[in-house]
Amino acid sequence: TGDRYRMLVERAALALLDYIDDNAD
């Protein structure tokens, strides 16, 4: 989603951290 490169980096970093937060096991 999106075409701004900085936003893509932000989303990717948050997506991994969100997954870890919600699915630690």
mmCIF file of all heavy atoms, coordinates in Angstrom:
data_MODEL
# 
_entry.id   MODEL 
# 
loop_
_atom_site.group_PDB 
_atom_site.id 
_atom_site.type_symbol 
_atom_site.label_atom_id 
_atom_site.label_alt_id 
_atom_site.label_comp_id 
_atom_site.label_asym_id 
_atom_site.label_entity_id 
_atom_site.label_seq_id 
_atom_site.pdbx_PDB_ins_code 
_atom_site.Cartn_x 
_atom_site.Cartn_y 
_atom_site.Cartn_z 
_atom_site.occupancy 
_atom_site.B_iso_or_equiv 
_atom_site.pdbx_formal_charge 
_atom_site.auth_seq_id 
_atom_site.auth_comp_id 
_atom_site.auth_asym_id 
_atom_site.auth_atom_id 
_atom_site.pdbx_PDB_model_num 
ATOM 1   N N   . THR A 1 1  ? 0.838  -1.200  0.000  1.00 0.00 ? 1  THR A N   1 
ATOM 2   C CA  . THR A 1 1  ? 0.000  0.000   0.000  1.00 0.00 ? 1  THR A CA  1 
ATOM 3   C C   . THR A 1 1  ? 0.869  1.245   0.000  1.00 0.00 ? 1  THR A C   1 
ATOM 4   O O   . THR A 1 1  ? 1.867  1.324   0.710  1.00 0.00 ? 1  THR A O   1 
ATOM 5   C CB  . THR A 1 1  ? -0.902 0.023   1.250  1.00 0.00 ? 1  THR A CB  1 
ATOM 6   O OG1 . THR A 1 1  ? -0.081 -0.101  2.418  1.00 0.00 ? 1  THR A OG1 1 
ATOM 7   C CG2 . THR A 1 1  ? -1.910 -1.110  1.225  1.00 0.00 ? 1  THR A CG2 1 
ATOM 8   N N   . GLY A 1 2  ? 0.492  2.193   -0.811 1.00 0.00 ? 2  GLY A N   1 
ATOM 9   C CA  . GLY A 1 2  ? 1.191  3.473   -0.840 1.00 0.00 ? 2  GLY A CA  1 
ATOM 10  C C   . GLY A 1 2  ? 2.367  3.458   -1.794 1.00 0.00 ? 2  GLY A C   1 
ATOM 11  O O   . GLY A 1 2  ? 2.854  2.416   -2.201 1.00 0.00 ? 2  GLY A O   1 
ATOM 12  N N   . ASP A 1 3  ? 2.809  4.651   -2.139 1.00 0.00 ? 3  ASP A N   1 
ATOM 13  C CA  . ASP A 1 3  ? 3.923  4.750   -3.074 1.00 0.00 ? 3  ASP A CA  1 
ATOM 14  C C   . ASP A 1 3  ? 5.053  5.625   -2.524 1.00 0.00 ? 3  ASP A C   1 
ATOM 15  O O   . ASP A 1 3  ? 6.015  5.895   -3.214 1.00 0.00 ? 3  ASP A O   1 
ATOM 16  C CB  . ASP A 1 3  ? 3.450  5.282   -4.427 1.00 0.00 ? 3  ASP A CB  1 
ATOM 17  C CG  . ASP A 1 3  ? 2.758  6.627   -4.303 1.00 0.00 ? 3  ASP A CG  1 
ATOM 18  O OD1 . ASP A 1 3  ? 2.634  7.132   -3.168 1.00 0.00 ? 3  ASP A OD1 1 
ATOM 19  O OD2 . ASP A 1 3  ? 2.348  7.164   -5.339 1.00 0.00 ? 3  ASP A OD2 1 
ATOM 20  N N   . ARG A 1 4  ? 4.921  6.080   -1.295 1.00 0.00 ? 4  ARG A N   1 
ATOM 21  C CA  . ARG A 1 4  ? 5.989  6.858   -0.672 1.00 0.00 ? 4  ARG A CA  1 
ATOM 22  C C   . ARG A 1 4  ? 6.932  5.883   0.027  1.00 0.00 ? 4  ARG A C   1 
ATOM 23  O O   . ARG A 1 4  ? 6.522  5.112   0.890  1.00 0.00 ? 4  ARG A O   1 
ATOM 24  C CB  . ARG A 1 4  ? 5.399  7.869   0.308  1.00 0.00 ? 4  ARG A CB  1 
ATOM 25  C CG  . ARG A 1 4  ? 4.591  8.952   -0.412 1.00 0.00 ? 4  ARG A CG  1 
ATOM 26  C CD  . ARG A 1 4  ? 3.938  9.909   0.538  1.00 0.00 ? 4  ARG A CD  1 
ATOM 27  N NE  . ARG A 1 4  ? 4.910  10.483  1.470  1.00 0.00 ? 4  ARG A NE  1 
ATOM 28  C CZ  . ARG A 1 4  ? 4.589  10.882  2.697  1.00 0.00 ? 4  ARG A CZ  1 
ATOM 29  N NH1 . ARG A 1 4  ? 3.349  10.762  3.127  1.00 0.00 ? 4  ARG A NH1 1 
ATOM 30  N NH2 . ARG A 1 4  ? 5.501  11.395  3.483  1.00 0.00 ? 4  ARG A NH2 1 
ATOM 31  N N   . TYR A 1 5  ? 8.201  5.926   -0.339 1.00 0.00 ? 5  TYR A N   1 
ATOM 32  C CA  . TYR A 1 5  ? 9.137  4.899   0.125  1.00 0.00 ? 5  TYR A CA  1 
ATOM 33  C C   . TYR A 1 5  ? 9.336  4.925   1.631  1.00 0.00 ? 5  TYR A C   1 
ATOM 34  O O   . TYR A 1 5  ? 9.426  3.879   2.261  1.00 0.00 ? 5  TYR A O   1 
ATOM 35  C CB  . TYR A 1 5  ? 10.469 5.043   -0.617 1.00 0.00 ? 5  TYR A CB  1 
ATOM 36  C CG  . TYR A 1 5  ? 10.321 4.792   -2.091 1.00 0.00 ? 5  TYR A CG  1 
ATOM 37  C CD1 . TYR A 1 5  ? 10.504 5.818   -3.009 1.00 0.00 ? 5  TYR A CD1 1 
ATOM 38  C CD2 . TYR A 1 5  ? 9.948  3.545   -2.552 1.00 0.00 ? 5  TYR A CD2 1 
ATOM 39  C CE1 . TYR A 1 5  ? 10.332 5.586   -4.369 1.00 0.00 ? 5  TYR A CE1 1 
ATOM 40  C CE2 . TYR A 1 5  ? 9.765  3.302   -3.907 1.00 0.00 ? 5  TYR A CE2 1 
ATOM 41  C CZ  . TYR A 1 5  ? 9.969  4.323   -4.811 1.00 0.00 ? 5  TYR A CZ  1 
ATOM 42  O OH  . TYR A 1 5  ? 9.789  4.094   -6.151 1.00 0.00 ? 5  TYR A OH  1 
ATOM 43  N N   . ARG A 1 6  ? 9.398  6.079   2.211  1.00 0.00 ? 6  ARG A N   1 
ATOM 44  C CA  . ARG A 1 6  ? 9.563  6.141   3.663  1.00 0.00 ? 6  ARG A CA  1 
ATOM 45  C C   . ARG A 1 6  ? 8.378  5.491   4.360  1.00 0.00 ? 6  ARG A C   1 
ATOM 46  O O   . ARG A 1 6  ? 8.533  4.768   5.347  1.00 0.00 ? 6  ARG A O   1 
ATOM 47  C CB  . ARG A 1 6  ? 9.738  7.580   4.133  1.00 0.00 ? 6  ARG A CB  1 
ATOM 48  C CG  . ARG A 1 6  ? 9.958  7.642   5.649  1.00 0.00 ? 6  ARG A CG  1 
ATOM 49  C CD  . ARG A 1 6  ? 10.119 9.049   6.188  1.00 0.00 ? 6  ARG A CD  1 
ATOM 50  N NE  . ARG A 1 6  ? 10.234 8.993   7.625  1.00 0.00 ? 6  ARG A NE  1 
ATOM 51  C CZ  . ARG A 1 6  ? 11.264 9.434   8.310  1.00 0.00 ? 6  ARG A CZ  1 
ATOM 52  N NH1 . ARG A 1 6  ? 12.286 9.971   7.692  1.00 0.00 ? 6  ARG A NH1 1 
ATOM 53  N NH2 . ARG A 1 6  ? 11.285 9.352   9.619  1.00 0.00 ? 6  ARG A NH2 1 
ATOM 54  N N   . MET A 1 7  ? 7.171  5.734   3.866  1.00 0.00 ? 7  MET A N   1 
ATOM 55  C CA  . MET A 1 7  ? 5.978  5.131   4.463  1.00 0.00 ? 7  MET A CA  1 
ATOM 56  C C   . MET A 1 7  ? 6.012  3.609   4.345  1.00 0.00 ? 7  MET A C   1 
ATOM 57  O O   . MET A 1 7  ? 5.566  2.898   5.248  1.00 0.00 ? 7  MET A O   1 
ATOM 58  C CB  . MET A 1 7  ? 4.719  5.680   3.801  1.00 0.00 ? 7  MET A CB  1 
ATOM 59  C CG  . MET A 1 7  ? 4.485  7.155   4.054  1.00 0.00 ? 7  MET A CG  1 
ATOM 60  S SD  . MET A 1 7  ? 4.343  7.570   5.816  1.00 0.00 ? 7  MET A SD  1 
ATOM 61  C CE  . MET A 1 7  ? 2.799  6.788   6.211  1.00 0.00 ? 7  MET A CE  1 
ATOM 62  N N   . LEU A 1 8  ? 6.545  3.101   3.243  1.00 0.00 ? 8  LEU A N   1 
ATOM 63  C CA  . LEU A 1 8  ? 6.657  1.646   3.090  1.00 0.00 ? 8  LEU A CA  1 
ATOM 64  C C   . LEU A 1 8  ? 7.607  1.066   4.132  1.00 0.00 ? 8  LEU A C   1 
ATOM 65  O O   . LEU A 1 8  ? 7.337  0.013   4.715  1.00 0.00 ? 8  LEU A O   1 
ATOM 66  C CB  . LEU A 1 8  ? 7.131  1.298   1.686  1.00 0.00 ? 8  LEU A CB  1 
ATOM 67  C CG  . LEU A 1 8  ? 6.133  1.566   0.557  1.00 0.00 ? 8  LEU A CG  1 
ATOM 68  C CD1 . LEU A 1 8  ? 6.788  1.341   -0.799 1.00 0.00 ? 8  LEU A CD1 1 
ATOM 69  C CD2 . LEU A 1 8  ? 4.909  0.666   0.705  1.00 0.00 ? 8  LEU A CD2 1 
ATOM 70  N N   . VAL A 1 9  ? 8.722  1.738   4.375  1.00 0.00 ? 9  VAL A N   1 
ATOM 71  C CA  . VAL A 1 9  ? 9.667  1.271   5.396  1.00 0.00 ? 9  VAL A CA  1 
ATOM 72  C C   . VAL A 1 9  ? 9.003  1.313   6.767  1.00 0.00 ? 9  VAL A C   1 
ATOM 73  O O   . VAL A 1 9  ? 9.115  0.371   7.561  1.00 0.00 ? 9  VAL A O   1 
ATOM 74  C CB  . VAL A 1 9  ? 10.963 2.119   5.385  1.00 0.00 ? 9  VAL A CB  1 
ATOM 75  C CG1 . VAL A 1 9  ? 11.881 1.720   6.530  1.00 0.00 ? 9  VAL A CG1 1 
ATOM 76  C CG2 . VAL A 1 9  ? 11.691 1.965   4.051  1.00 0.00 ? 9  VAL A CG2 1 
ATOM 77  N N   . GLU A 1 10 ? 8.278  2.391   7.045  1.00 0.00 ? 10 GLU A N   1 
ATOM 78  C CA  . GLU A 1 10 ? 7.590  2.509   8.334  1.00 0.00 ? 10 GLU A CA  1 
ATOM 79  C C   . GLU A 1 10 ? 6.562  1.402   8.506  1.00 0.00 ? 10 GLU A C   1 
ATOM 80  O O   . GLU A 1 10 ? 6.471  0.785   9.572  1.00 0.00 ? 10 GLU A O   1 
ATOM 81  C CB  . GLU A 1 10 ? 6.906  3.880   8.443  1.00 0.00 ? 10 GLU A CB  1 
ATOM 82  C CG  . GLU A 1 10 ? 7.888  5.016   8.613  1.00 0.00 ? 10 GLU A CG  1 
ATOM 83  C CD  . GLU A 1 10 ? 7.201  6.370   8.734  1.00 0.00 ? 10 GLU A CD  1 
ATOM 84  O OE1 . GLU A 1 10 ? 5.945  6.433   8.739  1.00 0.00 ? 10 GLU A OE1 1 
ATOM 85  O OE2 . GLU A 1 10 ? 7.936  7.374   8.829  1.00 0.00 ? 10 GLU A OE2 1 
ATOM 86  N N   . ARG A 1 11 ? 5.789  1.164   7.453  1.00 0.00 ? 11 ARG A N   1 
ATOM 87  C CA  . ARG A 1 11 ? 4.755  0.122   7.542  1.00 0.00 ? 11 ARG A CA  1 
ATOM 88  C C   . ARG A 1 11 ? 5.356  -1.266  7.729  1.00 0.00 ? 11 ARG A C   1 
ATOM 89  O O   . ARG A 1 11 ? 4.825  -2.091  8.470  1.00 0.00 ? 11 ARG A O   1 
ATOM 90  C CB  . ARG A 1 11 ? 3.878  0.157   6.285  1.00 0.00 ? 11 ARG A CB  1 
ATOM 91  C CG  . ARG A 1 11 ? 2.935  1.324   6.255  1.00 0.00 ? 11 ARG A CG  1 
ATOM 92  C CD  . ARG A 1 11 ? 1.925  1.155   5.130  1.00 0.00 ? 11 ARG A CD  1 
ATOM 93  N NE  . ARG A 1 11 ? 1.123  2.354   5.007  1.00 0.00 ? 11 ARG A NE  1 
ATOM 94  C CZ  . ARG A 1 11 ? 1.136  3.162   3.973  1.00 0.00 ? 11 ARG A CZ  1 
ATOM 95  N NH1 . ARG A 1 11 ? 1.914  2.913   2.944  1.00 0.00 ? 11 ARG A NH1 1 
ATOM 96  N NH2 . ARG A 1 11 ? 0.367  4.228   3.946  1.00 0.00 ? 11 ARG A NH2 1 
ATOM 97  N N   . ALA A 1 12 ? 6.455  -1.542  7.037  1.00 0.00 ? 12 ALA A N   1 
ATOM 98  C CA  . ALA A 1 12 ? 7.092  -2.853  7.164  1.00 0.00 ? 12 ALA A CA  1 
ATOM 99  C C   . ALA A 1 12 ? 7.625  -3.060  8.575  1.00 0.00 ? 12 ALA A C   1 
ATOM 100 O O   . ALA A 1 12 ? 7.452  -4.134  9.173  1.00 0.00 ? 12 ALA A O   1 
ATOM 101 C CB  . ALA A 1 12 ? 8.222  -2.994  6.141  1.00 0.00 ? 12 ALA A CB  1 
ATOM 102 N N   . ALA A 1 13 ? 8.276  -2.044  9.131  1.00 0.00 ? 13 ALA A N   1 
ATOM 103 C CA  . ALA A 1 13 ? 8.803  -2.146  10.498 1.00 0.00 ? 13 ALA A CA  1 
ATOM 104 C C   . ALA A 1 13 ? 7.666  -2.353  11.493 1.00 0.00 ? 13 ALA A C   1 
ATOM 105 O O   . ALA A 1 13 ? 7.741  -3.235  12.368 1.00 0.00 ? 13 ALA A O   1 
ATOM 106 C CB  . ALA A 1 13 ? 9.605  -0.904  10.857 1.00 0.00 ? 13 ALA A CB  1 
ATOM 107 N N   . LEU A 1 14 ? 6.615  -1.570  11.356 1.00 0.00 ? 14 LEU A N   1 
ATOM 108 C CA  . LEU A 1 14 ? 5.480  -1.710  12.278 1.00 0.00 ? 14 LEU A CA  1 
ATOM 109 C C   . LEU A 1 14 ? 4.755  -3.039  12.098 1.00 0.00 ? 14 LEU A C   1 
ATOM 110 O O   . LEU A 1 14 ? 4.286  -3.618  13.076 1.00 0.00 ? 14 LEU A O   1 
ATOM 111 C CB  . LEU A 1 14 ? 4.496  -0.552  12.084 1.00 0.00 ? 14 LEU A CB  1 
ATOM 112 C CG  . LEU A 1 14 ? 4.784  0.692   12.914 1.00 0.00 ? 14 LEU A CG  1 
ATOM 113 C CD1 . LEU A 1 14 ? 3.825  1.811   12.539 1.00 0.00 ? 14 LEU A CD1 1 
ATOM 114 C CD2 . LEU A 1 14 ? 4.701  0.404   14.401 1.00 0.00 ? 14 LEU A CD2 1 
ATOM 115 N N   . ALA A 1 15 ? 4.669  -3.523  10.874 1.00 0.00 ? 15 ALA A N   1 
ATOM 116 C CA  . ALA A 1 15 ? 3.986  -4.803  10.633 1.00 0.00 ? 15 ALA A CA  1 
ATOM 117 C C   . ALA A 1 15 ? 4.701  -5.935  11.364 1.00 0.00 ? 15 ALA A C   1 
ATOM 118 O O   . ALA A 1 15 ? 4.056  -6.789  11.983 1.00 0.00 ? 15 ALA A O   1 
ATOM 119 C CB  . ALA A 1 15 ? 3.918  -5.091  9.137  1.00 0.00 ? 15 ALA A CB  1 
ATOM 120 N N   . LEU A 1 16 ? 6.027  -5.962  11.307 1.00 0.00 ? 16 LEU A N   1 
ATOM 121 C CA  . LEU A 1 16 ? 6.762  -7.014  12.014 1.00 0.00 ? 16 LEU A CA  1 
ATOM 122 C C   . LEU A 1 16 ? 6.585  -6.858  13.518 1.00 0.00 ? 16 LEU A C   1 
ATOM 123 O O   . LEU A 1 16 ? 6.318  -7.840  14.222 1.00 0.00 ? 16 LEU A O   1 
ATOM 124 C CB  . LEU A 1 16 ? 8.247  -6.979  11.658 1.00 0.00 ? 16 LEU A CB  1 
ATOM 125 C CG  . LEU A 1 16 ? 9.097  -8.026  12.390 1.00 0.00 ? 16 LEU A CG  1 
ATOM 126 C CD1 . LEU A 1 16 ? 8.663  -9.450  12.031 1.00 0.00 ? 16 LEU A CD1 1 
ATOM 127 C CD2 . LEU A 1 16 ? 10.568 -7.845  12.092 1.00 0.00 ? 16 LEU A CD2 1 
ATOM 128 N N   . LEU A 1 17 ? 6.705  -5.647  14.033 1.00 0.00 ? 17 LEU A N   1 
ATOM 129 C CA  . LEU A 1 17 ? 6.549  -5.430  15.469 1.00 0.00 ? 17 LEU A CA  1 
ATOM 130 C C   . LEU A 1 17 ? 5.124  -5.724  15.930 1.00 0.00 ? 17 LEU A C   1 
ATOM 131 O O   . LEU A 1 17 ? 4.915  -6.263  17.026 1.00 0.00 ? 17 LEU A O   1 
ATOM 132 C CB  . LEU A 1 17 ? 6.965  -4.007  15.839 1.00 0.00 ? 17 LEU A CB  1 
ATOM 133 C CG  . LEU A 1 17 ? 8.443  -3.675  15.617 1.00 0.00 ? 17 LEU A CG  1 
ATOM 134 C CD1 . LEU A 1 17 ? 8.704  -2.198  15.888 1.00 0.00 ? 17 LEU A CD1 1 
ATOM 135 C CD2 . LEU A 1 17 ? 9.356  -4.543  16.472 1.00 0.00 ? 17 LEU A CD2 1 
ATOM 136 N N   . ASP A 1 18 ? 4.131  -5.398  15.103 1.00 0.00 ? 18 ASP A N   1 
ATOM 137 C CA  . ASP A 1 18 ? 2.737  -5.730  15.430 1.00 0.00 ? 18 ASP A CA  1 
ATOM 138 C C   . ASP A 1 18 ? 2.557  -7.243  15.519 1.00 0.00 ? 18 ASP A C   1 
ATOM 139 O O   . ASP A 1 18 ? 1.900  -7.752  16.434 1.00 0.00 ? 18 ASP A O   1 
ATOM 140 C CB  . ASP A 1 18 ? 1.774  -5.182  14.373 1.00 0.00 ? 18 ASP A CB  1 
ATOM 141 C CG  . ASP A 1 18 ? 1.511  -3.697  14.522 1.00 0.00 ? 18 ASP A CG  1 
ATOM 142 O OD1 . ASP A 1 18 ? 1.774  -3.147  15.609 1.00 0.00 ? 18 ASP A OD1 1 
ATOM 143 O OD2 . ASP A 1 18 ? 1.055  -3.080  13.539 1.00 0.00 ? 18 ASP A OD2 1 
ATOM 144 N N   . TYR A 1 19 ? 3.125  -7.955  14.551 1.00 0.00 ? 19 TYR A N   1 
ATOM 145 C CA  . TYR A 1 19 ? 3.009  -9.410  14.567 1.00 0.00 ? 19 TYR A CA  1 
ATOM 146 C C   . TYR A 1 19 ? 3.639  -9.971  15.842 1.00 0.00 ? 19 TYR A C   1 
ATOM 147 O O   . TYR A 1 19 ? 3.059  -10.833 16.514 1.00 0.00 ? 19 TYR A O   1 
ATOM 148 C CB  . TYR A 1 19 ? 3.680  -10.020 13.335 1.00 0.00 ? 19 TYR A CB  1 
ATOM 149 C CG  . TYR A 1 19 ? 3.742  -11.528 13.412 1.00 0.00 ? 19 TYR A CG  1 
ATOM 150 C CD1 . TYR A 1 19 ? 2.642  -12.297 13.049 1.00 0.00 ? 19 TYR A CD1 1 
ATOM 151 C CD2 . TYR A 1 19 ? 4.868  -12.181 13.901 1.00 0.00 ? 19 TYR A CD2 1 
ATOM 152 C CE1 . TYR A 1 19 ? 2.667  -13.671 13.157 1.00 0.00 ? 19 TYR A CE1 1 
ATOM 153 C CE2 . TYR A 1 19 ? 4.900  -13.553 14.022 1.00 0.00 ? 19 TYR A CE2 1 
ATOM 154 C CZ  . TYR A 1 19 ? 3.800  -14.296 13.648 1.00 0.00 ? 19 TYR A CZ  1 
ATOM 155 O OH  . TYR A 1 19 ? 3.827  -15.656 13.781 1.00 0.00 ? 19 TYR A OH  1 
ATOM 156 N N   . ILE A 1 20 ? 4.833  -9.494  16.194 1.00 0.00 ? 20 ILE A N   1 
ATOM 157 C CA  . ILE A 1 20 ? 5.514  -9.968  17.404 1.00 0.00 ? 20 ILE A CA  1 
ATOM 158 C C   . ILE A 1 20 ? 4.669  -9.665  18.636 1.00 0.00 ? 20 ILE A C   1 
ATOM 159 O O   . ILE A 1 20 ? 4.515  -10.506 19.525 1.00 0.00 ? 20 ILE A O   1 
ATOM 160 C CB  . ILE A 1 20 ? 6.910  -9.319  17.528 1.00 0.00 ? 20 ILE A CB  1 
ATOM 161 C CG1 . ILE A 1 20 ? 7.819  -9.821  16.410 1.00 0.00 ? 20 ILE A CG1 1 
ATOM 162 C CG2 . ILE A 1 20 ? 7.527  -9.600  18.898 1.00 0.00 ? 20 ILE A CG2 1 
ATOM 163 C CD1 . ILE A 1 20 ? 9.117  -9.043  16.277 1.00 0.00 ? 20 ILE A CD1 1 
ATOM 164 N N   . ASP A 1 21 ? 4.104  -8.466  18.686 1.00 0.00 ? 21 ASP A N   1 
ATOM 165 C CA  . ASP A 1 21 ? 3.294  -8.047  19.822 1.00 0.00 ? 21 ASP A CA  1 
ATOM 166 C C   . ASP A 1 21 ? 2.055  -8.924  19.968 1.00 0.00 ? 21 ASP A C   1 
ATOM 167 O O   . ASP A 1 21 ? 1.703  -9.336  21.071 1.00 0.00 ? 21 ASP A O   1 
ATOM 168 C CB  . ASP A 1 21 ? 2.886  -6.587  19.622 1.00 0.00 ? 21 ASP A CB  1 
ATOM 169 C CG  . ASP A 1 21 ? 2.584  -5.877  20.927 1.00 0.00 ? 21 ASP A CG  1 
ATOM 170 O OD1 . ASP A 1 21 ? 3.018  -6.363  22.001 1.00 0.00 ? 21 ASP A OD1 1 
ATOM 171 O OD2 . ASP A 1 21 ? 1.931  -4.822  20.886 1.00 0.00 ? 21 ASP A OD2 1 
ATOM 172 N N   . ASP A 1 22 ? 1.406  -9.216  18.857 1.00 0.00 ? 22 ASP A N   1 
ATOM 173 C CA  . ASP A 1 22 ? 0.148  -9.969  18.884 1.00 0.00 ? 22 ASP A CA  1 
ATOM 174 C C   . ASP A 1 22 ? 0.345  -11.477 18.868 1.00 0.00 ? 22 ASP A C   1 
ATOM 175 O O   . ASP A 1 22 ? -0.569 -12.227 19.225 1.00 0.00 ? 22 ASP A O   1 
ATOM 176 C CB  . ASP A 1 22 ? -0.724 -9.584  17.684 1.00 0.00 ? 22 ASP A CB  1 
ATOM 177 C CG  . ASP A 1 22 ? -1.123 -8.120  17.705 1.00 0.00 ? 22 ASP A CG  1 
ATOM 178 O OD1 . ASP A 1 22 ? -1.122 -7.508  18.794 1.00 0.00 ? 22 ASP A OD1 1 
ATOM 179 O OD2 . ASP A 1 22 ? -1.418 -7.577  16.622 1.00 0.00 ? 22 ASP A OD2 1 
ATOM 180 N N   . ASN A 1 23 ? 1.514  -11.944 18.428 1.00 0.00 ? 23 ASN A N   1 
ATOM 181 C CA  . ASN A 1 23 ? 1.746  -13.381 18.247 1.00 0.00 ? 23 ASN A CA  1 
ATOM 182 C C   . ASN A 1 23 ? 3.131  -13.791 18.766 1.00 0.00 ? 23 ASN A C   1 
ATOM 183 O O   . ASN A 1 23 ? 3.909  -14.410 18.051 1.00 0.00 ? 23 ASN A O   1 
ATOM 184 C CB  . ASN A 1 23 ? 1.657  -13.745 16.764 1.00 0.00 ? 23 ASN A CB  1 
ATOM 185 C CG  . ASN A 1 23 ? 0.325  -13.376 16.158 1.00 0.00 ? 23 ASN A CG  1 
ATOM 186 O OD1 . ASN A 1 23 ? -0.662 -14.069 16.326 1.00 0.00 ? 23 ASN A OD1 1 
ATOM 187 N ND2 . ASN A 1 23 ? 0.299  -12.255 15.467 1.00 0.00 ? 23 ASN A ND2 1 
ATOM 188 N N   . ALA A 1 24 ? 3.421  -13.421 20.010 1.00 0.00 ? 24 ALA A N   1 
ATOM 189 C CA  . ALA A 1 24 ? 4.761  -13.680 20.553 1.00 0.00 ? 24 ALA A CA  1 
ATOM 190 C C   . ALA A 1 24 ? 5.114  -15.170 20.500 1.00 0.00 ? 24 ALA A C   1 
ATOM 191 O O   . ALA A 1 24 ? 6.235  -15.534 20.130 1.00 0.00 ? 24 ALA A O   1 
ATOM 192 C CB  . ALA A 1 24 ? 4.861  -13.159 21.985 1.00 0.00 ? 24 ALA A CB  1 
ATOM 193 N N   . ASP A 1 25 ? 4.159  -16.036 20.847 1.00 0.00 ? 25 ASP A N   1 
ATOM 194 C CA  . ASP A 1 25 ? 4.432  -17.477 20.806 1.00 0.00 ? 25 ASP A CA  1 
ATOM 195 C C   . ASP A 1 25 ? 4.758  -17.926 19.386 1.00 0.00 ? 25 ASP A C   1 
ATOM 196 O O   . ASP A 1 25 ? 5.703  -18.688 19.167 1.00 0.00 ? 25 ASP A O   1 
ATOM 197 C CB  . ASP A 1 25 ? 3.226  -18.283 21.331 1.00 0.00 ? 25 ASP A CB  1 
ATOM 198 C CG  . ASP A 1 25 ? 3.152  -18.293 22.854 1.00 0.00 ? 25 ASP A CG  1 
ATOM 199 O OD1 . ASP A 1 25 ? 4.103  -17.819 23.507 1.00 0.00 ? 25 ASP A OD1 1 
ATOM 200 O OD2 . ASP A 1 25 ? 2.130  -18.772 23.382 1.00 0.00 ? 25 ASP A OD2 1 
# 
